Amino acid sequence: MTDQLESHLRSTLGHAAEHAPKAPSGLRAEVVSRSRRRRTRSQAIVVALAVTAVALPVTLTATGGQQGDVVAIGTINPGHRIPSAMDGKTPLGERLVIDNPSEERPLTLWYAKGKTGTVLCQIYESRNGVMMERCGKPLDDRKVTEQGSTESFPAPSTGVTLYFGTARAEVARVTAVIEGGGEATGLMYRPKGAPQGIWTVSAPSGQRVTAFEFADAQGRTVSRLKRNPTSFAKAVGEPVGPAVQMPGGLSVDLYKKTPSKLLWKLNGLAIVMHFVEPDRLLTDLDGKKYPVELAEHDKRWLGIASAKTARVTLLFGDGRSVSAVTRPDPWNLGIRLFAGTYDRARNISYERFQIIGYDEAGVQIWQQTHEKR
């Protein structure tokens, strides 16, 4: 990951959009960017969120090459006006609402006109309840542009990455070229009243998209965009010591490269990340400690909990429950690790449940509630 990309990711989403859900419900909106914000001050506005009582792990998300105004939005103090990426802009045409296969949540795209020109805007919603509003840079006279993707680290748990961008009227078809000779055919949309079309392509997250090819109605190639997939490896570094083996075929590694992080893996692939620097470890935006960070992946539930937590239980609305005994971390971070499996019709982010922590004597020491999405 380039320094510029890491700066953008961490100042727009890193620690705010994914960590803010643990904030208390009365938290007033505030700017929470801390990581080299001076380099991206003109690009991003991040608002603290208060979405759910259960803390969530971090995902670094690539938002594409057309950076503009970025605002994370959620449940905010109603007395505080939320900044909008649409401030000073006028919408052009209808909004396009499509399914985002990376999150199984809607993605909204539309055009707008501001002082600097026409831009493509989006509202990106995660299944954790976090929403990000963003407008790209002004469009130029190119036939096509790539405006963003749902590439992330760890990769989307659904195993699908969505790419999208703009296209002029002569473009009728888009195809993603995949390394090794594969292809993925995309879709073209023409929202009513929009100045240009919008294209999307979905491709497996584990495959490298090297280019997008665009053709007219007769099948003639009219444009080609080469791309260098986002590389997150440099932001991770090398693990410290051997991995901790956990139930469900999971393992956990500590990576000390700033920011320090725990990385959960399944079959060698990263699926969940927790920042564990002392000022971030199990700490909300007010500096108050919270007891648990919970994640889920492919019928597995996992996370980190306070040092006194010996057992963690998920209690679902239908009365059924699953439990996991915690394990100490070998890195002396002052936390416990837990993991288990569940048998539910959908991933647990879709339903209401309680997560409860017990000490070694079996006494309940904390409880959090996750509301149905």
Protein backbone atom coordinates (compact mmCIF):
# COMPACT_ATOMS: atom_id res chain seq x y z
CA MET A 1 0.00 0.00 0.00
CA THR A 2 1.34 3.40 -0.86
CA ASP A 3 1.78 5.93 1.91
CA GLN A 4 -0.82 8.15 0.22
CA LEU A 5 -3.36 5.32 0.08
CA GLU A 6 -2.73 4.30 3.68
CA SER A 7 -3.13 7.91 4.76
CA HIS A 8 -6.41 8.19 2.92
CA LEU A 9 -7.76 4.88 4.16
CA ARG A 10 -6.92 5.51 7.77
CA SER A 11 -8.12 9.09 7.79
CA THR A 12 -11.46 8.32 6.13
CA LEU A 13 -12.37 4.83 7.28
CA GLY A 14 -9.57 3.49 9.42
CA HIS A 15 -10.65 3.83 13.03
CA ALA A 16 -13.64 6.04 12.35
CA ALA A 17 -16.09 4.25 10.12
CA GLU A 18 -15.39 0.75 11.40
CA HIS A 19 -14.49 1.50 15.00
CA ALA A 20 -17.10 4.17 15.62
CA PRO A 21 -20.03 1.77 16.07
CA LYS A 22 -18.83 1.11 19.61
CA ALA A 23 -19.29 4.76 20.49
CA PRO A 24 -21.93 5.57 23.10
CA SER A 25 -25.31 6.60 21.67
CA GLY A 26 -25.05 10.13 23.04
CA LEU A 27 -21.74 10.89 21.38
CA ARG A 28 -21.81 14.15 19.49
CA ALA A 29 -20.55 14.22 15.91
CA GLU A 30 -16.88 15.09 15.66
CA VAL A 31 -13.96 14.78 13.32
CA VAL A 32 -11.90 11.78 14.40
CA SER A 33 -9.19 11.56 11.76
CA ARG A 34 -5.77 11.14 13.39
CA SER A 35 -3.48 9.46 10.86
CA ARG A 36 -1.48 11.97 8.86
CA ARG A 37 -4.62 13.99 8.34
CA ARG A 38 -2.64 16.96 7.08
CA ARG A 39 -2.10 15.10 3.79
CA THR A 40 -5.79 14.46 3.15
CA ARG A 41 -7.50 17.36 4.86
CA SER A 42 -8.99 18.65 1.60
CA GLN A 43 -10.22 15.18 0.62
CA ALA A 44 -12.08 13.77 3.60
CA ILE A 45 -14.52 14.66 6.34
CA VAL A 46 -15.12 11.85 8.82
CA VAL A 47 -17.97 11.92 11.31
CA ALA A 48 -18.09 9.80 14.46
CA LEU A 49 -20.85 7.21 14.42
CA ALA A 50 -23.06 5.65 17.06
CA VAL A 51 -24.64 2.67 15.36
CA THR A 52 -24.58 -0.35 17.66
CA ALA A 53 -23.42 -1.36 21.10
CA VAL A 54 -21.14 -4.13 19.83
CA ALA A 55 -17.68 -3.07 18.71
CA LEU A 56 -16.58 -4.18 15.27
CA PRO A 57 -13.21 -5.00 13.70
CA VAL A 58 -11.43 -2.82 11.17
CA THR A 59 -11.43 -3.09 7.41
CA LEU A 60 -9.17 -1.03 5.16
CA THR A 61 -11.20 -0.17 2.07
CA ALA A 62 -9.93 1.06 -1.28
CA THR A 63 -12.29 3.68 -2.69
CA GLY A 64 -10.72 3.92 -6.12
CA GLY A 65 -8.65 6.49 -7.96
CA GLN A 66 -11.20 9.31 -8.07
CA GLN A 67 -11.02 10.77 -4.58
CA GLY A 68 -13.20 13.66 -3.56
CA ASP A 69 -15.29 14.52 -0.52
CA VAL A 70 -15.89 11.63 1.91
CA VAL A 71 -18.33 11.63 4.82
CA ALA A 72 -19.12 8.70 7.09
CA ILE A 73 -22.70 8.87 8.31
CA GLY A 74 -24.80 7.02 10.86
CA THR A 75 -26.83 7.61 14.01
CA ILE A 76 -25.60 11.02 15.19
CA ASN A 77 -26.76 13.42 17.87
CA PRO A 78 -29.90 14.92 16.24
CA GLY A 79 -28.91 18.39 17.36
CA HIS A 80 -25.77 18.30 15.26
CA ARG A 81 -25.88 18.84 11.51
CA ILE A 82 -24.05 16.11 9.63
CA PRO A 83 -21.70 17.39 6.91
CA SER A 84 -22.58 16.04 3.47
CA ALA A 85 -20.47 15.31 0.42
CA MET A 86 -23.35 16.95 -1.47
CA ASP A 87 -22.85 20.31 0.24
CA GLY A 88 -22.60 22.90 -2.56
CA LYS A 89 -23.62 20.39 -5.24
CA THR A 90 -26.80 19.86 -7.26
CA PRO A 91 -27.93 16.32 -8.13
CA LEU A 92 -28.21 15.45 -11.82
CA GLY A 93 -30.70 12.75 -12.78
CA GLU A 94 -32.07 9.82 -10.83
CA ARG A 95 -30.16 7.88 -8.22
CA LEU A 96 -29.18 4.34 -9.12
CA VAL A 97 -29.61 1.83 -6.28
CA ILE A 98 -27.95 -1.54 -6.86
CA ASP A 99 -26.98 -4.51 -4.71
CA ASN A 100 -23.41 -4.46 -3.45
CA PRO A 101 -22.34 -8.12 -3.45
CA SER A 102 -19.43 -7.41 -1.10
CA GLU A 103 -21.73 -6.29 1.72
CA GLU A 104 -25.14 -7.65 0.68
CA ARG A 105 -26.36 -4.10 1.18
CA PRO A 106 -27.46 -1.36 -1.24
CA LEU A 107 -24.96 0.85 -3.06
CA THR A 108 -26.37 4.15 -4.30
CA LEU A 109 -24.76 6.03 -7.20
CA TRP A 110 -25.71 9.35 -8.79
CA TYR A 111 -24.28 12.34 -10.63
CA ALA A 112 -24.01 15.84 -9.20
CA LYS A 113 -22.70 19.20 -10.31
CA GLY A 114 -20.57 21.44 -8.12
CA LYS A 115 -18.36 24.47 -8.50
CA THR A 116 -15.55 22.38 -10.00
CA GLY A 117 -17.68 20.33 -12.40
CA THR A 118 -19.70 17.13 -12.68
CA VAL A 119 -18.90 14.31 -10.27
CA LEU A 120 -20.15 10.81 -9.49
CA CYS A 121 -21.33 10.36 -5.91
CA GLN A 122 -22.09 7.28 -3.88
CA ILE A 123 -23.53 6.08 -0.58
CA TYR A 124 -21.81 2.90 0.53
CA GLU A 125 -23.53 0.90 3.25
CA SER A 126 -21.82 -1.91 5.17
CA ARG A 127 -23.71 -4.76 6.78
CA ASN A 128 -22.37 -3.49 10.12
CA GLY A 129 -24.61 -0.46 9.72
CA VAL A 130 -21.90 2.04 8.76
CA MET A 131 -22.61 4.30 5.77
CA MET A 132 -20.14 6.39 3.78
CA GLU A 133 -21.14 9.19 1.44
CA ARG A 134 -18.58 10.23 -1.14
CA CYS A 135 -18.24 12.24 -4.35
CA GLY A 136 -15.33 11.74 -6.72
CA LYS A 137 -13.22 14.27 -8.52
CA PRO A 138 -14.71 16.22 -11.45
CA LEU A 139 -15.04 14.14 -14.61
CA ASP A 140 -12.90 14.98 -17.60
CA ASP A 141 -13.63 14.37 -21.29
CA ARG A 142 -12.60 10.69 -21.26
CA LYS A 143 -15.09 8.15 -22.58
CA VAL A 144 -14.87 6.10 -19.38
CA THR A 145 -13.49 6.36 -15.84
CA GLU A 146 -13.13 3.95 -12.94
CA GLN A 147 -14.65 5.61 -9.88
CA GLY A 148 -14.20 3.01 -7.18
CA SER A 149 -14.34 -0.56 -5.97
CA THR A 150 -15.12 -2.54 -2.85
CA GLU A 151 -11.60 -3.96 -2.63
CA SER A 152 -10.68 -4.27 1.02
CA PHE A 153 -8.29 -5.86 3.46
CA PRO A 154 -9.32 -8.32 4.68
CA ALA A 155 -11.21 -9.18 1.49
CA PRO A 156 -15.03 -9.05 1.53
CA SER A 157 -16.36 -12.11 3.36
CA THR A 158 -18.79 -12.74 0.50
CA GLY A 159 -15.82 -13.37 -1.80
CA VAL A 160 -17.02 -10.85 -4.39
CA THR A 161 -15.57 -7.43 -5.28
CA LEU A 162 -17.59 -4.78 -7.10
CA TYR A 163 -16.01 -2.24 -9.46
CA PHE A 164 -17.84 0.78 -10.92
CA GLY A 165 -17.37 3.93 -12.94
CA THR A 166 -18.69 6.31 -15.59
CA ALA A 167 -19.25 5.85 -19.33
CA ARG A 168 -20.37 8.10 -22.15
CA ALA A 169 -23.30 7.30 -24.45
CA GLU A 170 -21.27 5.35 -27.05
CA VAL A 171 -20.27 2.72 -24.48
CA ALA A 172 -22.67 -0.24 -24.41
CA ARG A 173 -20.67 -3.02 -22.76
CA VAL A 174 -17.95 -3.43 -20.10
CA THR A 175 -15.76 -6.45 -19.43
CA ALA A 176 -13.19 -6.99 -16.65
CA VAL A 177 -10.00 -8.70 -17.77
CA ILE A 178 -8.76 -11.11 -15.11
CA GLU A 179 -5.15 -12.17 -14.75
CA GLY A 180 -4.63 -15.61 -16.26
CA GLY A 181 -7.07 -15.15 -19.11
CA GLY A 182 -10.46 -14.94 -17.42
CA GLU A 183 -13.16 -12.35 -17.96
CA ALA A 184 -16.16 -10.98 -16.07
CA THR A 185 -18.98 -9.24 -17.94
CA GLY A 186 -20.43 -6.15 -16.33
CA LEU A 187 -23.61 -4.13 -16.54
CA MET A 188 -24.40 -0.71 -18.02
CA TYR A 189 -26.98 1.60 -16.44
CA ARG A 190 -28.55 4.78 -17.84
CA PRO A 191 -30.27 6.61 -14.96
CA LYS A 192 -32.96 8.97 -16.22
CA GLY A 193 -31.66 12.52 -16.54
CA ALA A 194 -28.03 11.54 -15.80
CA PRO A 195 -25.32 13.16 -17.95
CA GLN A 196 -23.52 9.83 -18.45
CA GLY A 197 -24.03 6.14 -17.89
CA ILE A 198 -22.76 4.09 -14.95
CA TRP A 199 -21.02 0.71 -15.31
CA THR A 200 -20.44 -2.03 -12.75
CA VAL A 201 -18.52 -5.32 -12.78
CA SER A 202 -18.46 -8.02 -10.10
CA ALA A 203 -15.50 -10.40 -9.88
CA PRO A 204 -14.18 -12.95 -7.36
CA SER A 205 -12.12 -11.21 -4.68
CA GLY A 206 -9.27 -13.70 -5.04
CA GLN A 207 -8.75 -12.90 -8.72
CA ARG A 208 -6.69 -9.97 -9.99
CA VAL A 209 -8.49 -7.62 -12.37
CA THR A 210 -5.86 -6.10 -14.69
CA ALA A 211 -8.03 -4.02 -17.02
CA PHE A 212 -11.52 -3.01 -18.08
CA GLU A 213 -12.49 -3.13 -21.75
CA PHE A 214 -15.40 -1.09 -23.14
CA ALA A 215 -17.26 -1.72 -26.39
CA ASP A 216 -20.00 -0.02 -28.38
CA ALA A 217 -23.32 -1.56 -29.45
CA GLN A 218 -21.61 -3.25 -32.43
CA GLY A 219 -19.02 -4.88 -30.18
CA ARG A 220 -16.16 -2.63 -31.25
CA THR A 221 -13.69 -1.70 -28.51
CA VAL A 222 -13.91 2.01 -27.78
CA SER A 223 -11.74 2.27 -24.66
CA ARG A 224 -9.56 0.26 -22.29
CA LEU A 225 -8.55 1.07 -18.72
CA LYS A 226 -5.51 -0.65 -17.26
CA ARG A 227 -5.43 -0.96 -13.49
CA ASN A 228 -3.04 -1.88 -10.73
CA PRO A 229 -4.98 -3.66 -7.98
CA THR A 230 -4.64 -2.17 -4.54
CA SER A 231 -1.83 -3.76 -2.54
CA PHE A 232 -2.34 -3.87 1.23
CA ALA A 233 0.65 -6.10 2.03
CA LYS A 234 3.05 -3.25 2.92
CA ALA A 235 0.62 -1.95 5.53
CA VAL A 236 0.62 -5.32 7.28
CA GLY A 237 4.31 -6.29 7.48
CA GLU A 238 5.50 -9.59 8.99
CA PRO A 239 3.89 -11.52 11.87
CA VAL A 240 5.49 -11.68 15.31
CA GLY A 241 6.17 -15.28 16.33
CA PRO A 242 3.98 -18.30 15.55
CA ALA A 243 0.26 -18.01 14.95
CA VAL A 244 -2.26 -18.94 17.65
CA GLN A 245 -4.49 -21.78 16.48
CA MET A 246 -8.18 -21.30 17.25
CA PRO A 247 -11.39 -23.34 16.82
CA GLY A 248 -13.12 -23.48 13.44
CA GLY A 249 -9.84 -23.79 11.54
CA LEU A 250 -8.90 -20.21 12.42
CA SER A 251 -5.52 -18.77 13.37
CA VAL A 252 -4.42 -15.39 14.75
CA ASP A 253 -1.17 -13.49 14.13
CA LEU A 254 0.17 -10.28 15.64
CA TYR A 255 1.67 -7.74 13.23
CA LYS A 256 3.69 -4.98 14.87
CA LYS A 257 4.09 -2.67 11.89
CA THR A 258 2.29 0.55 12.81
CA PRO A 259 -0.52 0.36 13.51
CA SER A 260 -0.17 -2.88 15.49
CA LYS A 261 -2.89 -5.31 14.54
CA LEU A 262 -4.21 -8.81 15.03
CA LEU A 263 -5.01 -10.65 11.85
CA TRP A 264 -7.36 -13.64 11.80
CA LYS A 265 -6.90 -16.12 8.98
CA LEU A 266 -8.87 -19.01 7.56
CA ASN A 267 -6.99 -21.44 5.32
CA GLY A 268 -4.18 -18.90 5.12
CA LEU A 269 -6.39 -16.03 3.92
CA ALA A 270 -6.93 -12.93 6.07
CA ILE A 271 -10.58 -12.51 7.10
CA VAL A 272 -10.66 -10.13 10.10
CA MET A 273 -8.35 -7.46 11.52
CA HIS A 274 -8.28 -5.71 14.92
CA PHE A 275 -6.12 -2.68 15.71
CA VAL A 276 -4.40 -3.35 19.04
CA GLU A 277 -2.23 -0.30 19.67
CA PRO A 278 -2.55 0.71 23.35
CA ASP A 279 -4.60 3.84 22.58
CA ARG A 280 -7.03 1.88 20.40
CA LEU A 281 -7.25 -1.48 22.11
CA LEU A 282 -10.84 -2.02 23.32
CA THR A 283 -11.29 1.75 23.63
CA ASP A 284 -14.10 3.93 22.29
CA LEU A 285 -13.88 7.42 20.83
CA ASP A 286 -14.25 8.99 24.28
CA GLY A 287 -11.30 6.97 25.58
CA LYS A 288 -13.55 4.65 27.57
CA LYS A 289 -12.88 0.93 27.64
CA TYR A 290 -15.35 -1.55 26.21
CA PRO A 291 -15.31 -5.33 26.76
CA VAL A 292 -15.46 -7.01 23.36
CA GLU A 293 -14.85 -6.76 19.61
CA LEU A 294 -16.91 -9.27 17.67
CA ALA A 295 -16.69 -10.40 14.05
CA GLU A 296 -18.24 -13.14 11.94
CA HIS A 297 -17.17 -14.99 8.82
CA ASP A 298 -18.68 -18.01 7.08
CA LYS A 299 -20.64 -19.31 10.10
CA ARG A 300 -17.73 -18.55 12.42
CA TRP A 301 -17.81 -15.95 15.19
CA LEU A 302 -14.59 -14.62 16.64
CA GLY A 303 -12.97 -11.70 18.36
CA ILE A 304 -11.15 -10.28 21.34
CA ALA A 305 -12.41 -9.58 24.87
CA SER A 306 -11.23 -8.02 28.13
CA ALA A 307 -8.59 -9.87 30.13
CA LYS A 308 -11.01 -11.09 32.84
CA THR A 309 -13.34 -12.72 30.31
CA ALA A 310 -13.14 -16.52 30.54
CA ARG A 311 -16.18 -17.40 28.42
CA VAL A 312 -18.25 -15.62 25.79
CA THR A 313 -21.84 -16.47 24.84
CA LEU A 314 -24.06 -15.39 21.96
CA LEU A 315 -27.72 -15.45 23.01
CA PHE A 316 -30.10 -15.20 20.05
CA GLY A 317 -33.64 -13.88 20.01
CA ASP A 318 -35.11 -17.37 19.64
CA GLY A 319 -33.48 -18.47 22.90
CA ARG A 320 -30.72 -20.55 21.35
CA SER A 321 -27.10 -19.79 22.23
CA VAL A 322 -23.51 -20.71 21.47
CA SER A 323 -20.49 -20.29 23.76
CA ALA A 324 -16.73 -20.19 23.44
CA VAL A 325 -13.99 -20.45 26.07
CA THR A 326 -11.46 -17.65 25.71
CA ARG A 327 -7.72 -18.11 25.37
CA PRO A 328 -4.95 -15.81 26.63
CA ASP A 329 -2.96 -13.92 24.03
CA PRO A 330 0.75 -14.86 23.95
CA TRP A 331 1.77 -11.27 23.15
CA ASN A 332 0.79 -9.81 26.55
CA LEU A 333 -1.69 -7.37 25.05
CA GLY A 334 -4.03 -7.75 28.02
CA ILE A 335 -6.86 -9.38 26.09
CA ARG A 336 -8.42 -12.82 25.53
CA LEU A 337 -9.13 -14.46 22.18
CA PHE A 338 -12.29 -16.40 21.36
CA ALA A 339 -13.74 -18.21 18.37
CA GLY A 340 -16.53 -20.65 17.61
CA THR A 341 -19.05 -21.71 15.00
CA TYR A 342 -22.80 -21.19 14.71
CA ASP A 343 -25.64 -22.75 12.74
CA ARG A 344 -27.89 -19.91 11.66
CA ALA A 345 -29.74 -19.37 8.38
CA ARG A 346 -27.77 -16.19 7.62
CA ASN A 347 -24.72 -14.46 9.05
CA ILE A 348 -25.44 -13.13 12.51
CA SER A 349 -25.15 -9.47 11.52
CA TYR A 350 -28.72 -9.78 10.21
CA GLU A 351 -30.33 -10.68 13.53
CA ARG A 352 -30.68 -9.39 17.06
CA PHE A 353 -28.55 -11.07 19.71
CA GLN A 354 -26.72 -10.44 22.95
CA ILE A 355 -23.07 -11.15 23.53
CA ILE A 356 -22.29 -11.89 27.17
CA GLY A 357 -18.98 -12.29 28.99
CA TYR A 358 -18.34 -14.41 32.09
CA ASP A 359 -15.36 -14.65 34.43
CA GLU A 360 -13.68 -17.88 35.59
CA ALA A 361 -16.27 -18.31 38.36
CA GLY A 362 -19.08 -18.20 35.80
CA VAL A 363 -20.28 -14.78 36.90
CA GLN A 364 -21.53 -12.46 34.18
CA ILE A 365 -19.21 -9.44 33.98
CA TRP A 366 -20.47 -7.66 30.86
CA GLN A 367 -23.21 -7.73 28.24
CA GLN A 368 -23.72 -6.01 24.89
CA THR A 369 -26.65 -6.04 22.45
CA HIS A 370 -26.51 -6.20 18.67
CA GLU A 371 -29.70 -4.96 17.03
CA LYS A 372 -31.16 -6.54 13.90
CA ARG A 373 -30.02 -4.91 10.66
